[in-house]
Amino acid sequence: MHDQLVNHQPITHIEQKIGAIEKHTEHYQTDMKLYRDRIDIDGDSYPIAEVFDISYRYKENEVGFLYLHTSHGVRSYYITESPESFISSFRSVEQK
């Protein structure tokens, strides 16, 4: 039962788009999904064994950062909600 979703964390992608006349910013939401054996983010998959830690910088009502520390380097993501529940779930999965 490795495909059972354990927890998810909403993340925000922020992209700068440059048109012929103007520049604008696009925001779209997606989820970081925690399973017992991996974390999936928009088609990228990180096996739990390759995720060393998750940390964050976040203040209520601001855009913060969530850092996924992996064997391939640190990946950063924008967040608009506290990731404490997600990180707690990761720690319990990681210890098994």
N, C-alpha and C. Protein backbone atom coordinates (compact mmCIF):
# COMPACT_ATOMS: atom_id res chain seq x y z
N MET A 1 0.82 -1.20 0.00
CA MET A 1 0.00 0.00 0.00
C MET A 1 0.86 1.25 0.00
N HIS A 2 1.81 1.32 -0.91
CA HIS A 2 2.70 2.47 -0.96
C HIS A 2 2.04 3.71 -1.56
N ASP A 3 0.91 3.55 -2.25
CA ASP A 3 0.30 4.70 -2.91
C ASP A 3 -0.73 5.41 -2.05
N GLN A 4 -0.79 5.08 -0.76
CA GLN A 4 -1.71 5.77 0.12
C GLN A 4 -1.13 7.13 0.52
N LEU A 5 -1.87 8.18 0.22
CA LEU A 5 -1.43 9.53 0.56
C LEU A 5 -1.42 9.71 2.07
N VAL A 6 -0.28 10.15 2.61
CA VAL A 6 -0.14 10.36 4.05
C VAL A 6 -0.51 11.79 4.41
N ASN A 7 -0.03 12.76 3.62
CA ASN A 7 -0.29 14.16 3.88
C ASN A 7 0.04 14.96 2.62
N HIS A 8 -0.39 16.20 2.57
CA HIS A 8 -0.04 17.06 1.44
C HIS A 8 0.19 18.48 1.94
N GLN A 9 1.00 19.22 1.19
CA GLN A 9 1.32 20.61 1.52
C GLN A 9 1.07 21.45 0.29
N PRO A 10 0.15 22.41 0.35
CA PRO A 10 -0.04 23.31 -0.79
C PRO A 10 1.23 24.14 -1.02
N ILE A 11 1.64 24.21 -2.27
CA ILE A 11 2.78 25.06 -2.64
C ILE A 11 2.33 25.96 -3.79
N THR A 12 3.00 27.07 -3.92
CA THR A 12 2.66 28.06 -4.95
C THR A 12 3.84 28.20 -5.90
N HIS A 13 3.55 28.13 -7.18
CA HIS A 13 4.57 28.41 -8.18
C HIS A 13 4.40 29.86 -8.61
N ILE A 14 5.48 30.59 -8.67
CA ILE A 14 5.45 31.98 -9.10
C ILE A 14 6.37 32.10 -10.30
N GLU A 15 5.81 32.49 -11.43
CA GLU A 15 6.58 32.60 -12.66
C GLU A 15 6.46 34.00 -13.24
N GLN A 16 7.58 34.51 -13.71
CA GLN A 16 7.59 35.78 -14.42
C GLN A 16 7.37 35.49 -15.90
N LYS A 17 6.38 36.12 -16.50
CA LYS A 17 6.10 35.97 -17.93
C LYS A 17 6.37 37.30 -18.60
N ILE A 18 7.11 37.26 -19.69
CA ILE A 18 7.41 38.49 -20.42
C ILE A 18 6.75 38.41 -21.79
N GLY A 19 5.82 39.31 -22.02
CA GLY A 19 5.12 39.38 -23.29
C GLY A 19 5.80 40.40 -24.20
N ALA A 20 5.17 40.66 -25.32
CA ALA A 20 5.72 41.61 -26.29
C ALA A 20 5.77 43.03 -25.71
N ILE A 21 4.81 43.35 -24.84
CA ILE A 21 4.72 44.71 -24.33
C ILE A 21 4.94 44.79 -22.82
N GLU A 22 4.48 43.77 -22.08
CA GLU A 22 4.52 43.87 -20.63
C GLU A 22 5.11 42.62 -19.97
N LYS A 23 5.42 42.81 -18.70
CA LYS A 23 5.88 41.69 -17.87
C LYS A 23 4.83 41.49 -16.79
N HIS A 24 4.48 40.24 -16.51
CA HIS A 24 3.54 39.99 -15.43
C HIS A 24 3.93 38.71 -14.69
N THR A 25 3.37 38.57 -13.51
CA THR A 25 3.67 37.43 -12.67
C THR A 25 2.45 36.52 -12.61
N GLU A 26 2.68 35.23 -12.79
CA GLU A 26 1.61 34.25 -12.68
C GLU A 26 1.84 33.39 -11.45
N HIS A 27 0.76 33.13 -10.71
CA HIS A 27 0.81 32.27 -9.53
C HIS A 27 -0.11 31.09 -9.80
N TYR A 28 0.33 29.88 -9.48
CA TYR A 28 -0.59 28.76 -9.50
C TYR A 28 -0.26 27.80 -8.37
N GLN A 29 -1.31 27.19 -7.85
CA GLN A 29 -1.20 26.29 -6.71
C GLN A 29 -1.06 24.85 -7.17
N THR A 30 -0.31 24.09 -6.41
CA THR A 30 -0.23 22.64 -6.58
C THR A 30 0.05 22.06 -5.20
N ASP A 31 0.17 20.75 -5.12
CA ASP A 31 0.42 20.11 -3.84
C ASP A 31 1.72 19.32 -3.84
N MET A 32 2.43 19.39 -2.73
CA MET A 32 3.53 18.47 -2.45
C MET A 32 2.85 17.31 -1.73
N LYS A 33 3.00 16.09 -2.26
CA LYS A 33 2.28 14.94 -1.72
C LYS A 33 3.25 13.97 -1.07
N LEU A 34 2.95 13.64 0.18
CA LEU A 34 3.76 12.70 0.95
C LEU A 34 3.12 11.32 0.95
N TYR A 35 3.86 10.34 0.48
CA TYR A 35 3.47 8.94 0.54
C TYR A 35 4.45 8.24 1.49
N ARG A 36 4.21 7.01 1.81
CA ARG A 36 5.10 6.29 2.73
C ARG A 36 6.50 6.08 2.16
N ASP A 37 6.62 6.07 0.83
CA ASP A 37 7.91 5.76 0.21
C ASP A 37 8.51 6.91 -0.59
N ARG A 38 7.76 8.03 -0.74
CA ARG A 38 8.26 9.11 -1.60
C ARG A 38 7.48 10.41 -1.35
N ILE A 39 8.04 11.50 -1.92
CA ILE A 39 7.35 12.79 -1.99
C ILE A 39 7.23 13.13 -3.46
N ASP A 40 6.02 13.44 -3.92
CA ASP A 40 5.77 13.81 -5.32
C ASP A 40 5.41 15.28 -5.41
N ILE A 41 6.01 15.96 -6.42
CA ILE A 41 5.71 17.36 -6.68
C ILE A 41 5.67 17.55 -8.19
N ASP A 42 4.50 17.76 -8.74
CA ASP A 42 4.36 18.07 -10.18
C ASP A 42 5.18 17.15 -11.08
N GLY A 43 5.09 15.86 -10.91
CA GLY A 43 5.80 14.94 -11.78
C GLY A 43 7.20 14.58 -11.31
N ASP A 44 7.75 15.35 -10.37
CA ASP A 44 9.04 14.99 -9.76
C ASP A 44 8.76 14.10 -8.56
N SER A 45 9.60 13.09 -8.38
CA SER A 45 9.42 12.17 -7.27
C SER A 45 10.73 12.03 -6.51
N TYR A 46 10.66 12.13 -5.18
CA TYR A 46 11.84 12.01 -4.33
C TYR A 46 11.61 10.84 -3.36
N PRO A 47 12.37 9.75 -3.52
CA PRO A 47 12.24 8.64 -2.56
C PRO A 47 12.56 9.13 -1.15
N ILE A 48 11.82 8.64 -0.15
CA ILE A 48 12.04 9.07 1.23
C ILE A 48 13.49 8.87 1.65
N ALA A 49 14.13 7.80 1.19
CA ALA A 49 15.53 7.53 1.55
C ALA A 49 16.47 8.62 1.04
N GLU A 50 16.06 9.40 0.03
CA GLU A 50 16.90 10.46 -0.53
C GLU A 50 16.55 11.85 0.01
N VAL A 51 15.55 11.92 0.90
CA VAL A 51 15.17 13.20 1.52
C VAL A 51 15.74 13.21 2.93
N PHE A 52 16.73 14.08 3.16
CA PHE A 52 17.40 14.13 4.45
C PHE A 52 16.64 14.96 5.47
N ASP A 53 15.98 16.03 5.01
CA ASP A 53 15.30 16.92 5.95
C ASP A 53 14.35 17.82 5.18
N ILE A 54 13.43 18.42 5.92
CA ILE A 54 12.55 19.46 5.39
C ILE A 54 12.60 20.60 6.40
N SER A 55 12.86 21.81 5.91
CA SER A 55 12.86 22.99 6.78
C SER A 55 12.04 24.08 6.11
N TYR A 56 11.80 25.16 6.83
CA TYR A 56 10.99 26.23 6.25
C TYR A 56 11.22 27.56 6.94
N ARG A 57 10.83 28.61 6.24
CA ARG A 57 10.74 29.98 6.78
C ARG A 57 9.36 30.48 6.39
N TYR A 58 8.54 30.78 7.38
CA TYR A 58 7.17 31.16 7.10
C TYR A 58 6.62 32.04 8.22
N LYS A 59 5.91 33.09 7.84
CA LYS A 59 5.17 33.93 8.77
C LYS A 59 3.73 33.99 8.28
N GLU A 60 2.81 33.98 9.21
CA GLU A 60 1.38 34.04 8.88
C GLU A 60 1.09 35.20 7.94
N ASN A 61 0.27 34.97 6.93
CA ASN A 61 -0.16 35.97 5.95
C ASN A 61 0.96 36.47 5.04
N GLU A 62 2.04 35.72 4.91
CA GLU A 62 3.12 36.07 3.99
C GLU A 62 3.48 34.84 3.17
N VAL A 63 4.17 35.06 2.07
CA VAL A 63 4.69 33.95 1.29
C VAL A 63 5.99 33.50 1.94
N GLY A 64 6.09 32.21 2.23
CA GLY A 64 7.29 31.68 2.87
C GLY A 64 7.98 30.69 1.94
N PHE A 65 8.95 30.02 2.50
CA PHE A 65 9.74 29.05 1.73
C PHE A 65 9.77 27.72 2.46
N LEU A 66 9.64 26.64 1.70
CA LEU A 66 9.82 25.30 2.22
C LEU A 66 11.02 24.72 1.49
N TYR A 67 11.95 24.15 2.25
CA TYR A 67 13.18 23.60 1.68
C TYR A 67 13.19 22.09 1.82
N LEU A 68 13.34 21.41 0.71
CA LEU A 68 13.44 19.96 0.68
C LEU A 68 14.92 19.63 0.50
N HIS A 69 15.53 19.07 1.54
CA HIS A 69 16.96 18.74 1.51
C HIS A 69 17.09 17.30 1.00
N THR A 70 17.62 17.14 -0.21
CA THR A 70 17.70 15.82 -0.83
C THR A 70 19.14 15.45 -1.16
N SER A 71 19.34 14.22 -1.56
CA SER A 71 20.68 13.78 -1.96
C SER A 71 21.12 14.46 -3.25
N HIS A 72 20.20 15.16 -3.92
CA HIS A 72 20.52 15.88 -5.16
C HIS A 72 20.57 17.39 -4.94
N GLY A 73 20.61 17.81 -3.68
CA GLY A 73 20.66 19.23 -3.37
C GLY A 73 19.39 19.70 -2.68
N VAL A 74 19.33 20.99 -2.42
CA VAL A 74 18.17 21.58 -1.73
C VAL A 74 17.23 22.16 -2.77
N ARG A 75 15.97 21.80 -2.68
CA ARG A 75 14.93 22.35 -3.55
C ARG A 75 14.09 23.29 -2.71
N SER A 76 13.76 24.46 -3.25
CA SER A 76 12.94 25.40 -2.49
C SER A 76 11.60 25.62 -3.18
N TYR A 77 10.58 25.82 -2.36
CA TYR A 77 9.21 26.00 -2.84
C TYR A 77 8.55 27.13 -2.06
N TYR A 78 7.67 27.88 -2.72
CA TYR A 78 6.90 28.93 -2.07
C TYR A 78 5.72 28.30 -1.35
N ILE A 79 5.43 28.76 -0.14
CA ILE A 79 4.28 28.28 0.61
C ILE A 79 3.48 29.47 1.16
N THR A 80 2.18 29.25 1.33
CA THR A 80 1.32 30.28 1.92
C THR A 80 0.58 29.73 3.13
N GLU A 81 0.91 28.50 3.53
CA GLU A 81 0.33 27.88 4.72
C GLU A 81 1.44 27.22 5.51
N SER A 82 1.27 27.14 6.81
CA SER A 82 2.27 26.50 7.67
C SER A 82 2.47 25.04 7.26
N PRO A 83 3.72 24.59 7.15
CA PRO A 83 4.00 23.21 6.78
C PRO A 83 4.23 22.28 7.98
N GLU A 84 3.90 22.74 9.19
CA GLU A 84 4.24 21.95 10.38
C GLU A 84 3.60 20.56 10.38
N SER A 85 2.36 20.46 9.97
CA SER A 85 1.69 19.16 9.92
C SER A 85 2.37 18.24 8.89
N PHE A 86 2.71 18.80 7.74
CA PHE A 86 3.38 18.01 6.70
C PHE A 86 4.74 17.52 7.19
N ILE A 87 5.51 18.39 7.82
CA ILE A 87 6.84 18.02 8.31
C ILE A 87 6.73 16.96 9.40
N SER A 88 5.75 17.09 10.28
CA SER A 88 5.53 16.10 11.32
C SER A 88 5.22 14.73 10.70
N SER A 89 4.39 14.72 9.67
CA SER A 89 4.07 13.47 8.97
C SER A 89 5.31 12.89 8.31
N PHE A 90 6.14 13.77 7.70
CA PHE A 90 7.38 13.31 7.07
C PHE A 90 8.28 12.64 8.11
N ARG A 91 8.41 13.25 9.29
CA ARG A 91 9.29 12.69 10.33
C ARG A 91 8.82 11.29 10.75
N SER A 92 7.50 11.08 10.85
CA SER A 92 7.00 9.77 11.26
C SER A 92 7.21 8.73 10.15
N VAL A 93 7.06 9.13 8.89
CA VAL A 93 7.30 8.22 7.77
C VAL A 93 8.79 7.90 7.66
N GLU A 94 9.62 8.91 7.84
CA GLU A 94 11.07 8.78 7.71
C GLU A 94 11.64 7.78 8.71
N GLN A 95 11.06 7.71 9.90
CA GLN A 95 11.59 6.86 10.96
C GLN A 95 11.23 5.38 10.80
N LYS A 96 10.34 5.05 9.88
CA LYS A 96 9.92 3.66 9.73
C LYS A 96 10.86 2.87 8.87
